[in-house]
Amino acid sequence: MAVNTERLYKFIEENVNKYSLKRVRIDKLEKLANRLAYLYCKEFKEDYHAVKPVALDRLRRIRCRPEYYNVELDSRFKRRWKKY
C-alpha cells in the first residue's frame, strides 16, 4: 500500500519543533519517527510498516536543513554562512 507522502510530510511538519530537532541524537530520532508514524497511522488508517521509513527519512532531511539551525546557539554556523 502506497503512503500519501504529502499528507505525511504535512503531518510531520506540524508536529515537530524543527529548531529543537537539531539537538536530537540519531537513536532518539528513530524513536521520534516511530512515534510519529504510530500517531499518523492511528489518525489516517495507514500501514505502520510502510509509514515508518518514510517518517524517519523526512525527519533526517529536516534535521539536515541549514535554515533550521538555531543561530544563537551555534555561532560557528552563523559566521560560516555570513560569507555566502
N, C-alpha and C. Protein backbone atom coordinates (compact mmCIF):
# COMPACT_ATOMS: atom_id res chain seq x y z
N MET A 1 0.84 -1.18 0.00
CA MET A 1 0.00 0.00 0.00
C MET A 1 0.89 1.25 0.00
N ALA A 2 0.63 2.15 -0.90
CA ALA A 2 1.43 3.37 -1.02
C ALA A 2 1.05 4.38 0.06
N VAL A 3 2.05 5.09 0.50
CA VAL A 3 1.85 6.09 1.54
C VAL A 3 1.60 7.44 0.88
N ASN A 4 0.62 8.16 1.39
CA ASN A 4 0.36 9.51 0.91
C ASN A 4 1.43 10.42 1.51
N THR A 5 2.52 10.62 0.75
CA THR A 5 3.68 11.32 1.30
C THR A 5 3.41 12.78 1.60
N GLU A 6 2.63 13.44 0.77
CA GLU A 6 2.35 14.86 1.02
C GLU A 6 1.62 15.05 2.35
N ARG A 7 0.66 14.20 2.61
CA ARG A 7 -0.09 14.28 3.86
C ARG A 7 0.81 13.93 5.05
N LEU A 8 1.68 12.94 4.87
CA LEU A 8 2.61 12.56 5.94
C LEU A 8 3.61 13.69 6.20
N TYR A 9 4.14 14.31 5.15
CA TYR A 9 5.09 15.41 5.32
C TYR A 9 4.43 16.57 6.06
N LYS A 10 3.21 16.88 5.69
CA LYS A 10 2.49 17.96 6.36
C LYS A 10 2.25 17.63 7.83
N PHE A 11 1.90 16.38 8.12
CA PHE A 11 1.68 15.93 9.49
C PHE A 11 2.96 16.07 10.32
N ILE A 12 4.09 15.66 9.75
CA ILE A 12 5.37 15.76 10.47
C ILE A 12 5.76 17.21 10.68
N GLU A 13 5.61 18.04 9.65
CA GLU A 13 5.98 19.45 9.77
C GLU A 13 5.16 20.15 10.85
N GLU A 14 3.89 19.76 11.00
CA GLU A 14 3.04 20.39 12.01
C GLU A 14 3.36 19.92 13.42
N ASN A 15 3.87 18.70 13.57
CA ASN A 15 4.03 18.11 14.89
C ASN A 15 5.46 18.09 15.41
N VAL A 16 6.40 18.69 14.70
CA VAL A 16 7.80 18.66 15.12
C VAL A 16 8.31 20.08 15.27
N ASN A 17 9.01 20.32 16.37
CA ASN A 17 9.71 21.58 16.54
C ASN A 17 11.04 21.46 15.80
N LYS A 18 11.16 22.12 14.67
CA LYS A 18 12.31 21.92 13.79
C LYS A 18 13.61 22.44 14.39
N TYR A 19 13.52 23.47 15.24
CA TYR A 19 14.73 24.03 15.83
C TYR A 19 15.31 23.10 16.90
N SER A 20 14.47 22.48 17.70
CA SER A 20 14.99 21.57 18.72
C SER A 20 15.37 20.22 18.12
N LEU A 21 14.94 19.94 16.91
CA LEU A 21 15.28 18.68 16.25
C LEU A 21 16.78 18.59 15.97
N LYS A 22 17.45 19.74 15.86
CA LYS A 22 18.88 19.76 15.59
C LYS A 22 19.69 19.11 16.70
N ARG A 23 19.19 19.19 17.93
CA ARG A 23 19.95 18.69 19.07
C ARG A 23 19.58 17.26 19.45
N VAL A 24 18.78 16.61 18.64
CA VAL A 24 18.33 15.24 18.94
C VAL A 24 19.35 14.24 18.38
N ARG A 25 19.71 13.25 19.20
CA ARG A 25 20.62 12.21 18.74
C ARG A 25 19.90 11.29 17.74
N ILE A 26 20.69 10.57 16.95
CA ILE A 26 20.13 9.73 15.89
C ILE A 26 19.24 8.63 16.45
N ASP A 27 19.64 7.99 17.55
CA ASP A 27 18.80 6.92 18.10
C ASP A 27 17.47 7.47 18.62
N LYS A 28 17.50 8.68 19.18
CA LYS A 28 16.25 9.31 19.63
C LYS A 28 15.42 9.76 18.43
N LEU A 29 16.08 10.09 17.34
CA LEU A 29 15.37 10.48 16.12
C LEU A 29 14.56 9.30 15.58
N GLU A 30 15.11 8.10 15.68
CA GLU A 30 14.39 6.90 15.25
C GLU A 30 13.17 6.65 16.14
N LYS A 31 13.31 6.86 17.43
CA LYS A 31 12.17 6.70 18.34
C LYS A 31 11.09 7.73 18.04
N LEU A 32 11.51 8.95 17.75
CA LEU A 32 10.56 10.00 17.39
C LEU A 32 9.84 9.66 16.09
N ALA A 33 10.56 9.14 15.12
CA ALA A 33 9.96 8.74 13.84
C ALA A 33 8.95 7.61 14.06
N ASN A 34 9.29 6.66 14.92
CA ASN A 34 8.35 5.57 15.22
C ASN A 34 7.08 6.10 15.87
N ARG A 35 7.24 7.03 16.79
CA ARG A 35 6.08 7.61 17.48
C ARG A 35 5.21 8.41 16.51
N LEU A 36 5.84 9.22 15.66
CA LEU A 36 5.07 9.99 14.67
C LEU A 36 4.37 9.07 13.68
N ALA A 37 5.04 8.00 13.28
CA ALA A 37 4.42 7.04 12.36
C ALA A 37 3.21 6.39 13.01
N TYR A 38 3.33 6.05 14.29
CA TYR A 38 2.20 5.45 15.02
C TYR A 38 1.03 6.42 15.09
N LEU A 39 1.31 7.67 15.44
CA LEU A 39 0.22 8.66 15.55
C LEU A 39 -0.42 8.93 14.19
N TYR A 40 0.41 8.99 13.15
CA TYR A 40 -0.11 9.21 11.80
C TYR A 40 -1.01 8.06 11.36
N CYS A 41 -0.56 6.83 11.63
CA CYS A 41 -1.35 5.65 11.24
C CYS A 41 -2.65 5.56 12.02
N LYS A 42 -2.60 5.98 13.26
CA LYS A 42 -3.80 5.96 14.09
C LYS A 42 -4.83 6.96 13.57
N GLU A 43 -4.34 8.11 13.10
CA GLU A 43 -5.25 9.15 12.63
C GLU A 43 -5.76 8.90 11.21
N PHE A 44 -4.89 8.43 10.32
CA PHE A 44 -5.25 8.30 8.90
C PHE A 44 -5.42 6.86 8.42
N LYS A 45 -5.33 5.88 9.31
CA LYS A 45 -5.55 4.46 8.97
C LYS A 45 -4.62 3.98 7.86
N GLU A 46 -3.32 4.24 8.02
CA GLU A 46 -2.31 3.79 7.06
C GLU A 46 -1.56 2.59 7.63
N ASP A 47 -0.73 1.97 6.81
CA ASP A 47 0.09 0.83 7.24
C ASP A 47 1.33 1.35 7.96
N TYR A 48 1.49 0.95 9.22
CA TYR A 48 2.59 1.44 10.06
C TYR A 48 3.96 1.10 9.47
N HIS A 49 4.12 -0.11 8.95
CA HIS A 49 5.42 -0.54 8.43
C HIS A 49 5.78 0.16 7.12
N ALA A 50 4.81 0.69 6.42
CA ALA A 50 5.10 1.47 5.22
C ALA A 50 5.40 2.93 5.57
N VAL A 51 4.81 3.42 6.64
CA VAL A 51 4.96 4.83 7.02
C VAL A 51 6.26 5.07 7.77
N LYS A 52 6.69 4.11 8.58
CA LYS A 52 7.84 4.30 9.47
C LYS A 52 9.13 4.72 8.74
N PRO A 53 9.56 4.05 7.65
CA PRO A 53 10.80 4.50 6.99
C PRO A 53 10.66 5.87 6.32
N VAL A 54 9.48 6.18 5.83
CA VAL A 54 9.26 7.49 5.21
C VAL A 54 9.34 8.59 6.26
N ALA A 55 8.78 8.34 7.44
CA ALA A 55 8.83 9.33 8.52
C ALA A 55 10.26 9.55 8.99
N LEU A 56 11.03 8.49 9.12
CA LEU A 56 12.43 8.62 9.54
C LEU A 56 13.24 9.38 8.50
N ASP A 57 13.02 9.09 7.23
CA ASP A 57 13.72 9.80 6.16
C ASP A 57 13.38 11.28 6.19
N ARG A 58 12.12 11.61 6.42
CA ARG A 58 11.69 13.01 6.45
C ARG A 58 12.33 13.74 7.63
N LEU A 59 12.38 13.10 8.80
CA LEU A 59 13.00 13.74 9.96
C LEU A 59 14.49 13.97 9.73
N ARG A 60 15.15 13.01 9.10
CA ARG A 60 16.58 13.20 8.80
C ARG A 60 16.80 14.35 7.83
N ARG A 61 15.92 14.47 6.85
CA ARG A 61 16.05 15.58 5.90
C ARG A 61 15.79 16.93 6.56
N ILE A 62 14.81 16.99 7.44
CA ILE A 62 14.53 18.23 8.16
C ILE A 62 15.72 18.59 9.04
N ARG A 63 16.29 17.59 9.67
CA ARG A 63 17.42 17.81 10.58
C ARG A 63 18.63 18.35 9.84
N CYS A 64 18.81 18.03 8.57
CA CYS A 64 19.98 18.46 7.81
C CYS A 64 19.80 19.82 7.14
N ARG A 65 18.63 20.39 7.19
CA ARG A 65 18.41 21.68 6.53
C ARG A 65 19.11 22.80 7.29
N PRO A 66 19.89 23.63 6.61
CA PRO A 66 20.61 24.69 7.32
C PRO A 66 19.70 25.77 7.88
N GLU A 67 18.54 25.98 7.32
CA GLU A 67 17.68 27.07 7.80
C GLU A 67 17.06 26.77 9.16
N TYR A 68 17.14 25.52 9.62
CA TYR A 68 16.57 25.19 10.91
C TYR A 68 17.59 25.18 12.04
N TYR A 69 18.81 25.62 11.77
CA TYR A 69 19.78 25.75 12.86
C TYR A 69 19.39 26.93 13.73
N ASN A 70 19.53 26.74 15.01
CA ASN A 70 19.30 27.85 15.93
C ASN A 70 20.60 28.65 15.96
N VAL A 71 20.61 29.77 15.26
CA VAL A 71 21.83 30.52 15.03
C VAL A 71 22.41 31.07 16.33
N GLU A 72 21.56 31.39 17.30
CA GLU A 72 22.06 31.93 18.55
C GLU A 72 22.90 30.90 19.30
N LEU A 73 22.59 29.63 19.15
CA LEU A 73 23.31 28.60 19.88
C LEU A 73 24.59 28.16 19.18
N ASP A 74 24.67 28.34 17.89
CA ASP A 74 25.83 27.86 17.15
C ASP A 74 26.46 29.02 16.38
N SER A 75 27.40 29.70 17.01
CA SER A 75 28.00 30.88 16.38
C SER A 75 28.90 30.49 15.21
N ARG A 76 29.50 29.29 15.24
CA ARG A 76 30.33 28.86 14.12
C ARG A 76 29.50 28.78 12.85
N PHE A 77 28.30 28.29 12.97
CA PHE A 77 27.40 28.20 11.81
C PHE A 77 27.07 29.59 11.29
N LYS A 78 26.83 30.51 12.20
CA LYS A 78 26.47 31.88 11.82
C LYS A 78 27.61 32.53 11.03
N ARG A 79 28.83 32.41 11.51
CA ARG A 79 29.96 33.02 10.81
C ARG A 79 30.18 32.38 9.45
N ARG A 80 30.03 31.08 9.38
CA ARG A 80 30.28 30.40 8.12
C ARG A 80 29.28 30.83 7.06
N TRP A 81 28.02 31.03 7.45
CA TRP A 81 27.01 31.37 6.46
C TRP A 81 26.96 32.84 6.13
N LYS A 82 27.59 33.70 6.92
CA LYS A 82 27.64 35.12 6.57
C LYS A 82 28.49 35.35 5.33
N LYS A 83 29.45 34.47 5.07
CA LYS A 83 30.35 34.65 3.94
C LYS A 83 29.63 34.50 2.60
N TYR A 84 28.52 33.79 2.58
CA TYR A 84 27.89 33.49 1.29
C TYR A 84 26.89 34.49 0.88
